[in-house]
Amino acid sequence: MKQALMLLLIGCMACAQNKPNMDKEIKLDSEAKKASYAVGVVLAKNVKQNSPDSLDLDAVFKGFYDVWNEKKTQLTEQECQDAVTKALSAASERKSAGAKKAGEDFLAENAKKEGVKSTSSGLQYKVITAGSGKSPGPTSEVTVHYSGKLIDGTEFDSSYKRGEPATFPLNGVIPGWTEALQLMKEGDKWTIFIPQSLGYGSQGAGGAIPPFSTLVFDVELIKVK
């Protein structure tokens, strides 16, 4: 259903680009027109996030026109599904490759900065405040305060903003956290830089962390239990 709605909107977009009067205001003087306009708004937002790039709008409009007017389509339904799947997959691969390279470039430059240390896994960290307490083991439960950002500065999580630290076992988090926290001592405050291979990798995390994202965390180790 979602794919069908997306394809419908792509056709509508093409139609809009082929009609110069689309810049004119339309009177929403009936419930049917309001509903129709609302469908266009909702679908436009969805397709801008999910549509394949490099679309040929003439071909898009022709496909929309043929279906809308019950004409024979030039591709079978299965061929249409295969073509859309292939286009979306290619767009996703290009985006993923861009995210990987951006992360690699960021870490390469970051490694040159004063105070930044790197481990054999590719993890990087910088000591902000040195503590003197004990260090956790690979399965220890720890209490930390932290904030997490993407390399563009977008914050996706913060225990500071929630007003309370987080407690969790080290074998229940991403590999970058498991490694970094074991190097820390109670009272330490570090900035840790986690390559995508030690983070959420190709899966990402919900809508907040895109696939192949390099992550930056400010972490304060409060207590090792």
N, C-alpha and C. Protein backbone atom coordinates (compact mmCIF):
# COMPACT_ATOMS: atom_id res chain seq x y z
N MET A 1 0.83 -1.21 0.00
CA MET A 1 0.00 0.00 0.00
C MET A 1 0.87 1.26 0.00
N LYS A 2 1.92 1.24 0.83
CA LYS A 2 2.80 2.40 0.91
C LYS A 2 3.48 2.66 -0.43
N GLN A 3 3.91 1.58 -1.09
CA GLN A 3 4.57 1.72 -2.38
C GLN A 3 3.60 2.27 -3.41
N ALA A 4 2.37 1.80 -3.37
CA ALA A 4 1.37 2.27 -4.32
C ALA A 4 1.11 3.76 -4.14
N LEU A 5 1.01 4.19 -2.88
CA LEU A 5 0.79 5.61 -2.61
C LEU A 5 1.98 6.44 -3.07
N MET A 6 3.19 5.90 -2.88
CA MET A 6 4.38 6.62 -3.29
C MET A 6 4.40 6.80 -4.80
N LEU A 7 4.07 5.73 -5.52
CA LEU A 7 4.06 5.81 -6.97
C LEU A 7 2.98 6.78 -7.46
N LEU A 8 1.84 6.79 -6.77
CA LEU A 8 0.78 7.72 -7.13
C LEU A 8 1.26 9.15 -7.01
N LEU A 9 1.98 9.44 -5.91
CA LEU A 9 2.44 10.80 -5.72
C LEU A 9 3.49 11.19 -6.74
N ILE A 10 4.40 10.26 -7.07
CA ILE A 10 5.41 10.55 -8.07
C ILE A 10 4.74 11.00 -9.37
N GLY A 11 3.66 10.29 -9.71
CA GLY A 11 2.91 10.68 -10.90
C GLY A 11 2.31 12.06 -10.75
N CYS A 12 1.77 12.33 -9.58
CA CYS A 12 1.18 13.65 -9.34
C CYS A 12 2.24 14.74 -9.43
N MET A 13 3.43 14.45 -8.91
CA MET A 13 4.52 15.42 -8.97
C MET A 13 4.88 15.72 -10.42
N ALA A 14 4.97 14.66 -11.20
CA ALA A 14 5.29 14.84 -12.61
C ALA A 14 4.21 15.67 -13.30
N CYS A 15 2.98 15.35 -12.98
CA CYS A 15 1.85 16.08 -13.54
C CYS A 15 1.96 17.57 -13.19
N ALA A 16 2.31 17.84 -11.93
CA ALA A 16 2.43 19.22 -11.47
C ALA A 16 3.52 19.95 -12.25
N GLN A 17 4.64 19.27 -12.51
CA GLN A 17 5.75 19.92 -13.20
C GLN A 17 5.43 20.14 -14.68
N ASN A 18 4.47 19.45 -15.20
CA ASN A 18 4.08 19.61 -16.60
C ASN A 18 2.94 20.60 -16.77
N LYS A 19 2.45 21.17 -15.68
CA LYS A 19 1.35 22.12 -15.74
C LYS A 19 1.77 23.41 -15.06
N PRO A 20 2.04 24.46 -15.83
CA PRO A 20 2.52 25.71 -15.25
C PRO A 20 1.53 26.35 -14.29
N ASN A 21 0.24 26.04 -14.41
CA ASN A 21 -0.73 26.67 -13.53
C ASN A 21 -0.78 26.07 -12.13
N MET A 22 0.15 25.14 -11.85
CA MET A 22 0.19 24.56 -10.51
C MET A 22 0.60 25.59 -9.47
N ASP A 23 1.18 26.70 -9.90
CA ASP A 23 1.54 27.76 -8.96
C ASP A 23 0.32 28.57 -8.53
N LYS A 24 -0.78 28.40 -9.24
CA LYS A 24 -2.00 29.11 -8.87
C LYS A 24 -2.62 28.53 -7.61
N GLU A 25 -3.18 29.40 -6.80
CA GLU A 25 -3.90 28.94 -5.62
C GLU A 25 -5.15 28.18 -6.07
N ILE A 26 -5.47 27.11 -5.34
CA ILE A 26 -6.69 26.36 -5.64
C ILE A 26 -7.66 26.57 -4.48
N LYS A 27 -8.91 26.78 -4.82
CA LYS A 27 -9.91 27.00 -3.78
C LYS A 27 -10.32 25.67 -3.15
N LEU A 28 -10.07 25.55 -1.88
CA LEU A 28 -10.46 24.33 -1.15
C LEU A 28 -11.86 24.57 -0.57
N ASP A 29 -12.83 24.61 -1.47
CA ASP A 29 -14.19 24.99 -1.08
C ASP A 29 -15.12 23.80 -0.91
N SER A 30 -14.55 22.60 -0.79
CA SER A 30 -15.36 21.42 -0.52
C SER A 30 -14.53 20.43 0.28
N GLU A 31 -15.21 19.54 0.96
CA GLU A 31 -14.48 18.54 1.75
C GLU A 31 -13.66 17.63 0.84
N ALA A 32 -14.18 17.36 -0.37
CA ALA A 32 -13.46 16.50 -1.31
C ALA A 32 -12.15 17.16 -1.74
N LYS A 33 -12.19 18.48 -2.00
CA LYS A 33 -10.97 19.18 -2.40
C LYS A 33 -9.97 19.25 -1.25
N LYS A 34 -10.47 19.48 -0.05
CA LYS A 34 -9.59 19.52 1.12
C LYS A 34 -8.90 18.18 1.32
N ALA A 35 -9.67 17.10 1.20
CA ALA A 35 -9.11 15.77 1.37
C ALA A 35 -8.08 15.47 0.28
N SER A 36 -8.41 15.88 -0.95
CA SER A 36 -7.49 15.65 -2.08
C SER A 36 -6.18 16.41 -1.87
N TYR A 37 -6.30 17.67 -1.44
CA TYR A 37 -5.10 18.48 -1.20
C TYR A 37 -4.27 17.88 -0.06
N ALA A 38 -4.96 17.42 0.98
CA ALA A 38 -4.25 16.82 2.13
C ALA A 38 -3.49 15.57 1.72
N VAL A 39 -4.11 14.76 0.84
CA VAL A 39 -3.42 13.56 0.35
C VAL A 39 -2.14 13.96 -0.37
N GLY A 40 -2.21 15.02 -1.18
CA GLY A 40 -1.04 15.49 -1.90
C GLY A 40 0.07 15.94 -0.97
N VAL A 41 -0.30 16.66 0.09
CA VAL A 41 0.69 17.15 1.06
C VAL A 41 1.37 15.99 1.77
N VAL A 42 0.56 15.05 2.26
CA VAL A 42 1.11 13.91 3.02
C VAL A 42 2.01 13.06 2.14
N LEU A 43 1.55 12.78 0.93
CA LEU A 43 2.33 11.94 0.03
C LEU A 43 3.61 12.63 -0.43
N ALA A 44 3.54 13.94 -0.63
CA ALA A 44 4.73 14.68 -1.07
C ALA A 44 5.84 14.57 -0.02
N LYS A 45 5.48 14.69 1.24
CA LYS A 45 6.47 14.58 2.30
C LYS A 45 7.09 13.18 2.32
N ASN A 46 6.24 12.17 2.09
CA ASN A 46 6.73 10.79 2.09
C ASN A 46 7.66 10.53 0.92
N VAL A 47 7.26 10.98 -0.26
CA VAL A 47 8.05 10.64 -1.45
C VAL A 47 9.38 11.37 -1.46
N LYS A 48 9.45 12.57 -0.89
CA LYS A 48 10.71 13.31 -0.86
C LYS A 48 11.75 12.58 -0.01
N GLN A 49 11.28 11.78 0.94
CA GLN A 49 12.18 11.03 1.80
C GLN A 49 12.51 9.65 1.23
N ASN A 50 11.63 9.09 0.42
CA ASN A 50 11.77 7.69 0.04
C ASN A 50 11.91 7.40 -1.45
N SER A 51 11.73 8.40 -2.32
CA SER A 51 11.73 8.10 -3.75
C SER A 51 13.15 7.91 -4.27
N PRO A 52 13.31 7.09 -5.33
CA PRO A 52 14.63 6.98 -5.96
C PRO A 52 14.99 8.29 -6.63
N ASP A 53 16.30 8.55 -6.74
CA ASP A 53 16.71 9.77 -7.41
C ASP A 53 16.80 9.53 -8.91
N SER A 54 17.10 10.58 -9.65
CA SER A 54 17.26 10.51 -11.11
C SER A 54 16.00 10.00 -11.82
N LEU A 55 14.85 10.45 -11.39
CA LEU A 55 13.61 10.05 -12.06
C LEU A 55 13.42 10.84 -13.35
N ASP A 56 12.95 10.16 -14.39
CA ASP A 56 12.57 10.80 -15.64
C ASP A 56 11.09 11.16 -15.52
N LEU A 57 10.80 12.44 -15.36
CA LEU A 57 9.43 12.85 -15.07
C LEU A 57 8.48 12.59 -16.24
N ASP A 58 8.99 12.64 -17.45
CA ASP A 58 8.13 12.33 -18.60
C ASP A 58 7.65 10.88 -18.53
N ALA A 59 8.58 9.97 -18.20
CA ALA A 59 8.23 8.55 -18.10
C ALA A 59 7.31 8.31 -16.91
N VAL A 60 7.57 9.03 -15.80
CA VAL A 60 6.72 8.91 -14.62
C VAL A 60 5.29 9.31 -14.96
N PHE A 61 5.15 10.47 -15.60
CA PHE A 61 3.82 10.95 -15.93
C PHE A 61 3.10 10.01 -16.90
N LYS A 62 3.86 9.43 -17.85
CA LYS A 62 3.26 8.51 -18.81
C LYS A 62 2.71 7.28 -18.09
N GLY A 63 3.48 6.74 -17.13
CA GLY A 63 3.00 5.59 -16.37
C GLY A 63 1.76 5.93 -15.57
N PHE A 64 1.77 7.10 -14.93
CA PHE A 64 0.60 7.55 -14.16
C PHE A 64 -0.61 7.74 -15.06
N TYR A 65 -0.38 8.37 -16.21
CA TYR A 65 -1.47 8.64 -17.16
C TYR A 65 -2.09 7.35 -17.67
N ASP A 66 -1.24 6.37 -18.02
CA ASP A 66 -1.75 5.11 -18.55
C ASP A 66 -2.62 4.39 -17.54
N VAL A 67 -2.17 4.33 -16.29
CA VAL A 67 -2.95 3.63 -15.27
C VAL A 67 -4.23 4.39 -14.96
N TRP A 68 -4.12 5.72 -14.82
CA TRP A 68 -5.29 6.53 -14.45
C TRP A 68 -6.39 6.43 -15.51
N ASN A 69 -5.96 6.31 -16.77
CA ASN A 69 -6.92 6.25 -17.87
C ASN A 69 -7.18 4.83 -18.35
N GLU A 70 -6.75 3.85 -17.54
CA GLU A 70 -7.00 2.44 -17.79
C GLU A 70 -6.49 1.98 -19.15
N LYS A 71 -5.31 2.50 -19.51
CA LYS A 71 -4.66 2.06 -20.74
C LYS A 71 -3.69 0.93 -20.42
N LYS A 72 -3.29 0.17 -21.43
CA LYS A 72 -2.33 -0.91 -21.23
C LYS A 72 -0.96 -0.32 -20.90
N THR A 73 -0.38 -0.78 -19.84
CA THR A 73 0.93 -0.28 -19.44
C THR A 73 2.04 -0.97 -20.23
N GLN A 74 3.16 -0.27 -20.36
CA GLN A 74 4.27 -0.80 -21.15
C GLN A 74 5.10 -1.82 -20.36
N LEU A 75 4.90 -1.89 -19.08
CA LEU A 75 5.55 -2.88 -18.24
C LEU A 75 4.48 -3.65 -17.47
N THR A 76 4.75 -4.91 -17.20
CA THR A 76 3.82 -5.68 -16.36
C THR A 76 3.92 -5.20 -14.93
N GLU A 77 2.97 -5.61 -14.10
CA GLU A 77 2.98 -5.21 -12.70
C GLU A 77 4.26 -5.69 -12.00
N GLN A 78 4.68 -6.93 -12.32
CA GLN A 78 5.90 -7.45 -11.71
C GLN A 78 7.12 -6.68 -12.18
N GLU A 79 7.15 -6.32 -13.46
CA GLU A 79 8.28 -5.54 -13.98
C GLU A 79 8.33 -4.16 -13.33
N CYS A 80 7.17 -3.60 -13.07
CA CYS A 80 7.11 -2.31 -12.37
C CYS A 80 7.68 -2.43 -10.97
N GLN A 81 7.24 -3.46 -10.25
CA GLN A 81 7.73 -3.66 -8.88
C GLN A 81 9.23 -3.89 -8.86
N ASP A 82 9.72 -4.69 -9.81
CA ASP A 82 11.16 -4.96 -9.89
C ASP A 82 11.95 -3.70 -10.19
N ALA A 83 11.43 -2.87 -11.09
CA ALA A 83 12.14 -1.65 -11.46
C ALA A 83 12.22 -0.66 -10.31
N VAL A 84 11.09 -0.52 -9.58
CA VAL A 84 11.08 0.38 -8.43
C VAL A 84 12.01 -0.12 -7.33
N THR A 85 11.96 -1.43 -7.07
CA THR A 85 12.84 -2.02 -6.05
C THR A 85 14.30 -1.81 -6.39
N LYS A 86 14.64 -2.01 -7.65
CA LYS A 86 16.03 -1.85 -8.10
C LYS A 86 16.47 -0.39 -7.97
N ALA A 87 15.59 0.54 -8.35
CA ALA A 87 15.93 1.96 -8.26
C ALA A 87 16.12 2.41 -6.82
N LEU A 88 15.22 1.95 -5.94
CA LEU A 88 15.34 2.31 -4.52
C LEU A 88 16.59 1.71 -3.91
N SER A 89 16.91 0.48 -4.30
CA SER A 89 18.11 -0.18 -3.79
C SER A 89 19.37 0.56 -4.23
N ALA A 90 19.41 0.97 -5.49
CA ALA A 90 20.57 1.69 -6.01
C ALA A 90 20.73 3.03 -5.30
N ALA A 91 19.60 3.72 -5.07
CA ALA A 91 19.67 5.01 -4.37
C ALA A 91 20.16 4.82 -2.95
N SER A 92 19.69 3.75 -2.30
CA SER A 92 20.11 3.46 -0.93
C SER A 92 21.60 3.14 -0.86
N GLU A 93 22.08 2.39 -1.85
CA GLU A 93 23.51 2.05 -1.88
C GLU A 93 24.37 3.28 -2.08
N ARG A 94 23.93 4.20 -2.94
CA ARG A 94 24.69 5.43 -3.15
C ARG A 94 24.72 6.27 -1.87
N LYS A 95 23.59 6.33 -1.20
CA LYS A 95 23.52 7.09 0.04
C LYS A 95 24.40 6.46 1.11
N SER A 96 24.38 5.14 1.20
CA SER A 96 25.20 4.43 2.18
C SER A 96 26.69 4.64 1.92
N ALA A 97 27.06 4.58 0.63
CA ALA A 97 28.46 4.79 0.27
C ALA A 97 28.90 6.19 0.67
N GLY A 98 28.01 7.16 0.50
CA GLY A 98 28.33 8.53 0.89
C GLY A 98 28.49 8.66 2.39
N ALA A 99 27.62 7.98 3.15
CA ALA A 99 27.71 8.03 4.61
C ALA A 99 28.99 7.38 5.11
N LYS A 100 29.36 6.25 4.49
CA LYS A 100 30.60 5.57 4.88
C LYS A 100 31.81 6.47 4.65
N LYS A 101 31.87 7.06 3.46
CA LYS A 101 33.02 7.90 3.13
C LYS A 101 33.09 9.12 4.04
N ALA A 102 31.92 9.73 4.31
CA ALA A 102 31.89 10.90 5.19
C ALA A 102 32.43 10.54 6.57
N GLY A 103 32.06 9.36 7.08
CA GLY A 103 32.55 8.91 8.37
C GLY A 103 34.04 8.63 8.35
N GLU A 104 34.50 7.99 7.29
CA GLU A 104 35.93 7.68 7.18
C GLU A 104 36.76 8.95 7.10
N ASP A 105 36.29 9.92 6.31
CA ASP A 105 37.01 11.18 6.18
C ASP A 105 37.04 11.92 7.52
N PHE A 106 35.91 11.91 8.21
CA PHE A 106 35.83 12.58 9.52
C PHE A 106 36.83 11.97 10.50
N LEU A 107 36.87 10.65 10.58
CA LEU A 107 37.76 9.98 11.53
C LEU A 107 39.23 10.18 11.15
N ALA A 108 39.52 10.20 9.86
CA ALA A 108 40.90 10.42 9.42
C ALA A 108 41.40 11.79 9.84
N GLU A 109 40.58 12.80 9.71
CA GLU A 109 40.96 14.14 10.13
C GLU A 109 40.97 14.26 11.65
N ASN A 110 39.99 13.62 12.29
CA ASN A 110 39.88 13.71 13.74
C ASN A 110 41.09 13.09 14.44
N ALA A 111 41.64 12.02 13.84
CA ALA A 111 42.79 11.33 14.43
C ALA A 111 44.01 12.23 14.52
N LYS A 112 44.07 13.27 13.70
CA LYS A 112 45.21 14.19 13.68
C LYS A 112 45.11 15.26 14.77
N LYS A 113 43.95 15.37 15.40
CA LYS A 113 43.74 16.44 16.37
C LYS A 113 44.44 16.15 17.69
N GLU A 114 44.84 17.21 18.35
CA GLU A 114 45.55 17.09 19.61
C GLU A 114 44.68 16.40 20.66
N GLY A 115 45.25 15.43 21.33
CA GLY A 115 44.57 14.74 22.42
C GLY A 115 43.71 13.57 22.01
N VAL A 116 43.52 13.36 20.70
CA VAL A 116 42.69 12.25 20.23
C VAL A 116 43.56 11.00 20.10
N LYS A 117 43.10 9.91 20.71
CA LYS A 117 43.81 8.64 20.65
C LYS A 117 42.97 7.62 19.90
N SER A 118 43.63 6.69 19.23
CA SER A 118 42.94 5.67 18.45
C SER A 118 43.32 4.28 18.95
N THR A 119 42.37 3.35 18.87
CA THR A 119 42.64 1.96 19.23
C THR A 119 42.74 1.13 17.95
N SER A 120 43.15 -0.11 18.10
CA SER A 120 43.32 -0.98 16.93
C SER A 120 42.01 -1.25 16.19
N SER A 121 40.89 -1.12 16.88
CA SER A 121 39.58 -1.38 16.26
C SER A 121 39.10 -0.22 15.41
N GLY A 122 39.73 0.95 15.56
CA GLY A 122 39.26 2.14 14.87
C GLY A 122 38.55 3.12 15.78
N LEU A 123 38.26 2.72 17.01
CA LEU A 123 37.65 3.61 17.99
C LEU A 123 38.61 4.76 18.29
N GLN A 124 38.06 5.95 18.47
CA GLN A 124 38.85 7.10 18.87
C GLN A 124 38.26 7.72 20.14
N TYR A 125 39.11 8.32 20.95
CA TYR A 125 38.61 8.97 22.16
C TYR A 125 39.53 10.12 22.56
N LYS A 126 38.95 11.04 23.31
CA LYS A 126 39.70 12.16 23.85
C LYS A 126 39.30 12.34 25.31
N VAL A 127 40.30 12.38 26.19
CA VAL A 127 40.04 12.53 27.62
C VAL A 127 39.76 14.00 27.91
N ILE A 128 38.61 14.27 28.48
CA ILE A 128 38.24 15.63 28.87
C ILE A 128 38.58 15.86 30.35
N THR A 129 38.16 14.91 31.20
CA THR A 129 38.47 14.94 32.63
C THR A 129 38.90 13.55 33.05
N ALA A 130 40.00 13.45 33.77
CA ALA A 130 40.50 12.15 34.22
C ALA A 130 39.98 11.82 35.60
N GLY A 131 39.40 10.62 35.73
CA GLY A 131 38.94 10.15 37.03
C GLY A 131 39.97 9.24 37.68
N SER A 132 39.61 8.71 38.84
CA SER A 132 40.56 7.85 39.58
C SER A 132 39.89 6.60 40.13
N GLY A 133 38.66 6.34 39.72
CA GLY A 133 37.95 5.17 40.24
C GLY A 133 38.29 3.91 39.48
N LYS A 134 37.47 2.90 39.66
CA LYS A 134 37.74 1.61 39.02
C LYS A 134 37.17 1.57 37.60
N SER A 135 37.70 0.63 36.82
CA SER A 135 37.23 0.43 35.44
C SER A 135 36.29 -0.76 35.38
N PRO A 136 35.30 -0.72 34.48
CA PRO A 136 34.38 -1.84 34.35
C PRO A 136 34.97 -2.98 33.53
N GLY A 137 34.39 -4.16 33.68
CA GLY A 137 34.73 -5.31 32.86
C GLY A 137 33.73 -5.42 31.72
N PRO A 138 33.87 -6.42 30.87
CA PRO A 138 33.02 -6.53 29.68
C PRO A 138 31.55 -6.77 29.97
N THR A 139 31.23 -7.25 31.17
CA THR A 139 29.82 -7.49 31.51
C THR A 139 29.36 -6.66 32.70
N SER A 140 30.19 -5.72 33.13
CA SER A 140 29.84 -4.88 34.29
C SER A 140 28.62 -4.01 33.99
N GLU A 141 27.89 -3.69 35.03
CA GLU A 141 26.80 -2.73 34.91
C GLU A 141 27.36 -1.35 35.26
N VAL A 142 27.09 -0.38 34.43
CA VAL A 142 27.63 0.95 34.65
C VAL A 142 26.51 1.99 34.66
N THR A 143 26.79 3.11 35.32
CA THR A 143 25.90 4.26 35.31
C THR A 143 26.65 5.42 34.67
N VAL A 144 26.07 5.99 33.64
CA VAL A 144 26.75 7.05 32.89
C VAL A 144 25.80 8.19 32.57
N HIS A 145 26.38 9.35 32.37
CA HIS A 145 25.69 10.46 31.72
C HIS A 145 26.31 10.59 30.34
N TYR A 146 25.52 10.92 29.33
CA TYR A 146 26.06 11.00 27.98
C TYR A 146 25.16 11.83 27.08
N SER A 147 25.76 12.26 25.98
CA SER A 147 24.98 12.82 24.88
C SER A 147 25.58 12.27 23.59
N GLY A 148 24.75 11.98 22.60
CA GLY A 148 25.20 11.40 21.34
C GLY A 148 24.83 12.27 20.16
N LYS A 149 25.79 12.42 19.24
CA LYS A 149 25.56 13.23 18.06
C LYS A 149 26.05 12.52 16.80
N LEU A 150 25.49 12.92 15.66
CA LEU A 150 26.04 12.53 14.37
C LEU A 150 27.20 13.47 14.05
N ILE A 151 27.98 13.15 13.04
CA ILE A 151 29.14 13.99 12.75
C ILE A 151 28.76 15.36 12.22
N ASP A 152 27.50 15.55 11.83
CA ASP A 152 27.06 16.88 11.40
C ASP A 152 26.57 17.72 12.57
N GLY A 153 26.68 17.16 13.79
CA GLY A 153 26.28 17.89 14.98
C GLY A 153 24.87 17.63 15.45
N THR A 154 24.11 16.85 14.70
CA THR A 154 22.73 16.55 15.10
C THR A 154 22.71 15.65 16.33
N GLU A 155 22.09 16.11 17.40
CA GLU A 155 22.01 15.32 18.63
C GLU A 155 20.83 14.36 18.53
N PHE A 156 21.08 13.07 18.79
CA PHE A 156 20.01 12.08 18.70
C PHE A 156 19.63 11.50 20.06
N ASP A 157 20.42 11.76 21.09
CA ASP A 157 20.09 11.22 22.41
C ASP A 157 20.89 11.97 23.46
N SER A 158 20.32 12.11 24.67
CA SER A 158 21.03 12.78 25.75
C SER A 158 20.40 12.44 27.09
N SER A 159 21.18 11.80 27.95
CA SER A 159 20.69 11.54 29.31
C SER A 159 20.67 12.85 30.11
N TYR A 160 21.53 13.78 29.75
CA TYR A 160 21.54 15.08 30.42
C TYR A 160 20.20 15.78 30.25
N LYS A 161 19.67 15.75 29.02
CA LYS A 161 18.40 16.41 28.77
C LYS A 161 17.24 15.69 29.45
N ARG A 162 17.39 14.36 29.63
CA ARG A 162 16.34 13.63 30.34
C ARG A 162 16.40 13.87 31.84
N GLY A 163 17.53 14.38 32.32
CA GLY A 163 17.65 14.72 33.72
C GLY A 163 18.05 13.59 34.63
N GLU A 164 18.47 12.45 34.07
CA GLU A 164 18.94 11.35 34.89
C GLU A 164 19.91 10.47 34.10
N PRO A 165 20.93 9.94 34.78
CA PRO A 165 21.90 9.08 34.09
C PRO A 165 21.28 7.76 33.68
N ALA A 166 21.97 7.06 32.80
CA ALA A 166 21.51 5.75 32.31
C ALA A 166 22.35 4.65 32.96
N THR A 167 21.70 3.52 33.23
CA THR A 167 22.39 2.35 33.79
C THR A 167 22.13 1.15 32.89
N PHE A 168 23.21 0.43 32.56
CA PHE A 168 23.07 -0.71 31.65
C PHE A 168 24.31 -1.60 31.76
N PRO A 169 24.19 -2.87 31.34
CA PRO A 169 25.36 -3.76 31.30
C PRO A 169 26.16 -3.50 30.03
N LEU A 170 27.46 -3.60 30.11
CA LEU A 170 28.30 -3.29 28.96
C LEU A 170 28.17 -4.29 27.82
N ASN A 171 27.69 -5.49 28.12
CA ASN A 171 27.49 -6.46 27.04
C ASN A 171 26.12 -6.32 26.39
N GLY A 172 25.43 -5.22 26.68
CA GLY A 172 24.11 -5.00 26.09
C GLY A 172 24.05 -3.76 25.22
N VAL A 173 25.22 -3.21 24.86
CA VAL A 173 25.25 -1.99 24.06
C VAL A 173 26.10 -2.21 22.80
N ILE A 174 26.22 -1.18 21.99
CA ILE A 174 26.99 -1.31 20.75
C ILE A 174 28.47 -1.56 21.08
N PRO A 175 29.21 -2.22 20.19
CA PRO A 175 30.60 -2.58 20.46
C PRO A 175 31.49 -1.40 20.83
N GLY A 176 31.25 -0.24 20.21
CA GLY A 176 32.07 0.93 20.51
C GLY A 176 31.95 1.36 21.96
N TRP A 177 30.74 1.26 22.50
CA TRP A 177 30.53 1.57 23.92
C TRP A 177 31.19 0.52 24.81
N THR A 178 31.03 -0.74 24.46
CA THR A 178 31.62 -1.82 25.27
C THR A 178 33.14 -1.64 25.37
N GLU A 179 33.76 -1.31 24.25
CA GLU A 179 35.21 -1.12 24.25
C GLU A 179 35.61 0.14 25.01
N ALA A 180 34.98 1.25 24.69
CA ALA A 180 35.39 2.54 25.27
C ALA A 180 35.22 2.58 26.78
N LEU A 181 34.09 2.10 27.27
CA LEU A 181 33.83 2.19 28.72
C LEU A 181 34.81 1.37 29.53
N GLN A 182 35.30 0.26 28.96
CA GLN A 182 36.28 -0.55 29.69
C GLN A 182 37.63 0.15 29.82
N LEU A 183 37.88 1.13 28.97
CA LEU A 183 39.12 1.90 29.05
C LEU A 183 39.01 3.06 30.05
N MET A 184 37.79 3.36 30.47
CA MET A 184 37.55 4.50 31.34
C MET A 184 37.59 4.10 32.82
N LYS A 185 37.72 5.10 33.67
CA LYS A 185 37.64 4.94 35.12
C LYS A 185 36.49 5.78 35.65
N GLU A 186 35.97 5.39 36.79
CA GLU A 186 34.94 6.21 37.43
C GLU A 186 35.44 7.64 37.58
N GLY A 187 34.61 8.57 37.18
CA GLY A 187 35.00 9.98 37.24
C GLY A 187 35.53 10.52 35.92
N ASP A 188 35.84 9.61 34.97
CA ASP A 188 36.31 10.04 33.65
C ASP A 188 35.19 10.72 32.87
N LYS A 189 35.58 11.74 32.11
CA LYS A 189 34.70 12.33 31.11
C LYS A 189 35.46 12.31 29.79
N TRP A 190 34.93 11.61 28.82
CA TRP A 190 35.58 11.46 27.52
C TRP A 190 34.63 11.85 26.40
N THR A 191 35.23 12.20 25.27
CA THR A 191 34.49 12.24 24.01
C THR A 191 34.96 11.03 23.22
N ILE A 192 34.03 10.19 22.82
CA ILE A 192 34.40 9.00 22.05
C ILE A 192 33.80 9.09 20.65
N PHE A 193 34.60 8.62 19.69
CA PHE A 193 34.23 8.69 18.28
C PHE A 193 34.14 7.26 17.76
N ILE A 194 32.93 6.86 17.40
CA ILE A 194 32.67 5.45 17.09
C ILE A 194 32.43 5.26 15.59
N PRO A 195 33.31 4.53 14.90
CA PRO A 195 33.06 4.24 13.48
C PRO A 195 31.81 3.39 13.32
N GLN A 196 31.22 3.45 12.14
CA GLN A 196 29.95 2.76 11.92
C GLN A 196 30.05 1.26 12.18
N SER A 197 31.24 0.69 11.96
CA SER A 197 31.41 -0.75 12.17
C SER A 197 31.31 -1.14 13.64
N LEU A 198 31.51 -0.17 14.54
CA LEU A 198 31.38 -0.41 15.98
C LEU A 198 30.11 0.20 16.54
N GLY A 199 29.28 0.73 15.61
CA GLY A 199 28.03 1.35 16.03
C GLY A 199 26.84 0.54 15.55
N TYR A 200 25.97 1.17 14.76
CA TYR A 200 24.75 0.50 14.30
C TYR A 200 24.86 0.00 12.87
N GLY A 201 26.03 0.20 12.23
CA GLY A 201 26.29 -0.37 10.93
C GLY A 201 25.24 -0.10 9.88
N SER A 202 24.94 -1.10 9.09
CA SER A 202 24.01 -0.95 7.97
C SER A 202 22.56 -0.80 8.41
N GLN A 203 22.26 -1.13 9.66
CA GLN A 203 20.87 -1.07 10.14
C GLN A 203 20.47 0.33 10.58
N GLY A 204 21.42 1.09 11.12
CA GLY A 204 21.05 2.36 11.71
C GLY A 204 20.22 2.10 12.96
N ALA A 205 19.59 3.14 13.46
CA ALA A 205 18.74 2.99 14.65
C ALA A 205 17.52 3.88 14.52
N GLY A 206 16.42 3.26 14.12
CA GLY A 206 15.19 4.01 13.95
C GLY A 206 15.36 5.13 12.93
N GLY A 207 14.70 6.23 13.15
CA GLY A 207 14.86 7.37 12.25
C GLY A 207 15.93 8.33 12.71
N ALA A 208 16.48 8.10 13.91
CA ALA A 208 17.43 9.05 14.49
C ALA A 208 18.85 8.86 13.98
N ILE A 209 19.25 7.61 13.75
CA ILE A 209 20.62 7.30 13.32
C ILE A 209 20.56 6.59 11.98
N PRO A 210 20.95 7.27 10.91
CA PRO A 210 20.93 6.63 9.59
C PRO A 210 21.93 5.49 9.49
N PRO A 211 21.74 4.59 8.53
CA PRO A 211 22.71 3.51 8.32
C PRO A 211 24.12 4.05 8.08
N PHE A 212 25.11 3.30 8.56
CA PHE A 212 26.53 3.59 8.35
C PHE A 212 26.96 4.93 8.96
N SER A 213 26.33 5.33 10.05
CA SER A 213 26.67 6.60 10.68
C SER A 213 27.84 6.46 11.65
N THR A 214 28.81 7.36 11.55
CA THR A 214 29.84 7.51 12.57
C THR A 214 29.24 8.34 13.69
N LEU A 215 29.49 7.94 14.93
CA LEU A 215 28.83 8.56 16.08
C LEU A 215 29.84 9.24 17.00
N VAL A 216 29.40 10.32 17.64
CA VAL A 216 30.23 11.05 18.59
C VAL A 216 29.47 11.15 19.91
N PHE A 217 30.10 10.67 20.99
CA PHE A 217 29.46 10.69 22.30
C PHE A 217 30.33 11.44 23.31
N ASP A 218 29.71 12.27 24.11
CA ASP A 218 30.34 12.79 25.33
C ASP A 218 29.84 11.90 26.46
N VAL A 219 30.77 11.25 27.15
CA VAL A 219 30.41 10.24 28.15
C VAL A 219 31.09 10.53 29.49
N GLU A 220 30.32 10.44 30.55
CA GLU A 220 30.82 10.57 31.90
C GLU A 220 30.53 9.27 32.66
N LEU A 221 31.58 8.55 33.04
CA LEU A 221 31.39 7.29 33.79
C LEU A 221 31.22 7.64 35.28
N ILE A 222 30.01 7.45 35.75
CA ILE A 222 29.69 7.82 37.13
C ILE A 222 29.97 6.68 38.11
N LYS A 223 29.52 5.48 37.75
CA LYS A 223 29.62 4.37 38.73
C LYS A 223 29.74 3.04 38.03
N VAL A 224 30.60 2.18 38.54
CA VAL A 224 30.71 0.80 38.10
C VAL A 224 30.13 -0.06 39.21
N LYS A 225 29.09 -0.85 38.89
CA LYS A 225 28.44 -1.66 39.91
C LYS A 225 29.00 -3.08 39.90
